[in-house]
Protein backbone atom coordinates (compact mmCIF):
# COMPACT_ATOMS: atom_id res chain seq x y z
CA MET A 1 121.07 114.96 102.62
CA THR A 2 119.84 118.61 101.43
CA THR A 3 117.70 120.00 104.40
CA ASN A 4 116.55 123.06 102.45
CA ARG A 5 114.49 120.94 99.94
CA SER A 6 110.51 121.91 100.16
CA ARG A 7 108.67 118.57 100.73
CA LYS A 8 104.98 117.93 101.01
CA LEU A 9 103.57 116.59 104.18
CA PHE A 10 101.11 113.68 104.33
CA VAL A 11 99.57 112.76 107.64
CA ASN A 12 97.30 109.77 108.09
CA LEU A 13 94.51 109.75 110.57
CA PRO A 14 91.94 106.91 111.38
CA VAL A 15 88.36 107.92 111.55
CA LYS A 16 85.44 105.91 112.37
CA ASP A 17 82.90 107.48 109.98
CA LEU A 18 84.44 108.76 107.03
CA LYS A 19 81.36 110.38 105.59
CA ARG A 20 80.82 112.36 109.02
CA SER A 21 84.46 113.60 108.96
CA ILE A 22 84.40 114.67 105.47
CA GLU A 23 81.30 116.38 106.41
CA PHE A 24 82.81 118.24 109.67
CA PHE A 25 85.80 119.11 107.99
CA THR A 26 84.15 120.75 104.98
CA LYS A 27 82.26 122.72 107.41
CA LEU A 28 85.65 124.16 108.31
CA GLY A 29 86.50 125.03 104.78
CA PHE A 30 88.75 122.29 103.87
CA SER A 31 88.36 120.74 100.24
CA PHE A 32 89.15 116.92 99.34
CA ASN A 33 90.86 115.53 96.36
CA PRO A 34 88.44 113.44 94.46
CA GLN A 35 91.30 111.55 92.88
CA PHE A 36 92.30 110.09 95.91
CA THR A 37 88.90 109.59 97.44
CA ASP A 38 86.92 106.39 97.79
CA ASP A 39 84.68 104.25 100.42
CA THR A 40 87.73 103.77 102.55
CA GLY A 41 89.52 107.17 102.60
CA THR A 42 89.89 110.74 101.34
CA CYS A 43 92.68 113.17 100.80
CA MET A 44 91.87 116.55 102.85
CA ILE A 45 93.81 119.29 101.53
CA VAL A 46 95.26 121.56 104.17
CA SER A 47 97.64 123.71 101.61
CA GLU A 48 99.69 123.13 98.46
CA GLU A 49 102.22 121.25 100.73
CA ALA A 50 100.07 119.55 103.44
CA PHE A 51 97.61 117.08 103.31
CA VAL A 52 95.64 114.68 105.64
CA MET A 53 94.67 111.32 104.48
CA LEU A 54 91.29 110.61 106.51
CA LEU A 55 91.06 106.60 106.47
CA ALA A 56 88.25 104.41 107.69
CA GLU A 57 89.76 102.57 110.43
CA GLU A 58 89.89 99.22 108.94
CA ARG A 59 91.63 100.98 105.82
CA PHE A 60 93.96 102.39 108.48
CA LYS A 61 94.91 99.33 109.79
CA ASP A 62 96.50 98.06 106.69
CA PHE A 63 99.47 100.60 107.13
CA THR A 64 100.50 99.72 110.60
CA LYS A 65 101.09 96.70 112.94
CA LYS A 66 100.22 98.91 116.04
CA ARG A 67 96.87 99.38 117.80
CA ILE A 68 94.86 102.56 116.59
CA CYS A 69 95.16 104.89 119.38
CA ASP A 70 92.21 105.41 121.87
CA THR A 71 91.63 109.22 121.47
CA SER A 72 89.35 109.12 124.43
CA THR A 73 92.26 108.30 126.90
CA PHE A 74 95.29 109.33 124.94
CA THR A 75 96.68 112.04 122.72
CA GLU A 76 98.42 110.72 119.26
CA GLY A 77 99.61 113.91 118.33
CA ILE A 78 98.53 117.54 118.07
CA PHE A 79 98.08 118.69 114.58
CA THR A 80 98.38 122.29 114.34
CA VAL A 81 97.14 124.67 111.07
CA SER A 82 97.88 128.48 110.83
CA ALA A 83 95.43 131.14 110.29
CA THR A 84 95.69 134.44 108.90
CA SER A 85 94.17 136.32 111.99
CA ARG A 86 93.10 136.07 115.78
CA ALA A 87 89.44 136.25 114.53
CA GLU A 88 90.12 133.36 112.14
CA VAL A 89 91.54 131.18 114.95
CA ASP A 90 88.26 132.09 117.07
CA GLU A 91 86.05 131.51 113.79
CA LEU A 92 87.42 128.33 112.95
CA VAL A 93 87.62 126.73 116.50
CA LYS A 94 83.72 128.09 117.18
CA THR A 95 82.78 126.44 113.72
CA ALA A 96 84.54 123.00 114.84
CA ILE A 97 82.54 123.01 118.15
CA ALA A 98 79.54 123.82 116.29
CA ALA A 99 79.90 120.85 113.78
CA GLY A 100 80.33 118.47 116.76
CA GLY A 101 83.87 118.74 117.90
CA THR A 102 84.68 119.56 121.61
CA HIS A 103 86.90 121.92 123.46
CA ALA A 104 90.37 120.88 124.07
CA GLU A 105 92.42 123.72 125.65
CA ALA A 106 91.32 127.24 126.44
CA PRO A 107 92.58 130.06 124.26
CA ALA A 108 96.21 131.38 124.86
CA ASP A 109 97.42 134.73 124.01
CA HIS A 110 101.08 135.15 124.17
CA GLY A 111 101.49 138.43 122.65
CA PHE A 112 102.98 137.69 119.14
CA MET A 113 100.92 134.37 119.04
CA TYR A 114 97.51 133.31 119.82
CA ASN A 115 96.25 129.71 119.90
CA TRP A 116 93.16 127.81 120.41
CA SER A 117 92.39 123.90 119.96
CA PHE A 118 89.51 121.48 119.56
CA TYR A 119 89.10 117.69 119.29
CA ASP A 120 87.50 116.67 116.10
CA LEU A 121 84.75 113.57 115.98
CA ASP A 122 87.41 111.29 116.19
CA GLY A 123 89.30 112.72 119.25
CA HIS A 124 91.96 114.06 117.28
CA HIS A 125 93.65 117.04 118.88
CA TRP A 126 93.61 120.18 116.38
CA GLU A 127 95.42 123.60 117.60
CA VAL A 128 94.69 126.65 115.13
CA PHE A 129 97.21 129.42 115.60
CA TYR A 130 97.83 132.93 114.65
CA MET A 131 101.31 134.49 114.80
CA ASP A 132 102.44 138.05 114.09
CA PRO A 133 106.04 138.01 113.44
CA SER A 134 106.67 141.72 113.79
CA ALA A 135 105.51 141.45 117.45
CA ILE A 136 107.72 138.88 118.46
CA PRO A 137 110.17 139.89 121.10
CA PRO A 138 113.59 140.51 120.11
CA GLN A 139 115.18 137.89 122.45
CA GLN A 140 113.10 135.17 120.61
CA GLN A 141 113.90 136.41 117.08
């Protein structure tokens, strides 16, 4: 298997109210591919290589035999997106909170990396981070 091959990433997440989720992520600056959008799901564009399929819970159930995670008591994963600056990290999290999300963890400053996180409307844990490669300590490079 070739390990250096570029791959696209598609994450599938169940949502209770697709329209509200689209409105929430639109406020955060994400767009959606209309070619893969209908009443049961949408393709949120994260980058040219990464996408999040937001699927109504009933549609999501078509893809798994397991129960949908109760995000009020369990974490199914942490979905991390990069930012271009510390200010953008803060702006994105504050916008998410203003749009109805909730705080997940406090901001963390590691010197070369800064991150902050929130839960979206369905309790999915999102982390936003900025990393300055020039500030990475030599022993960690």
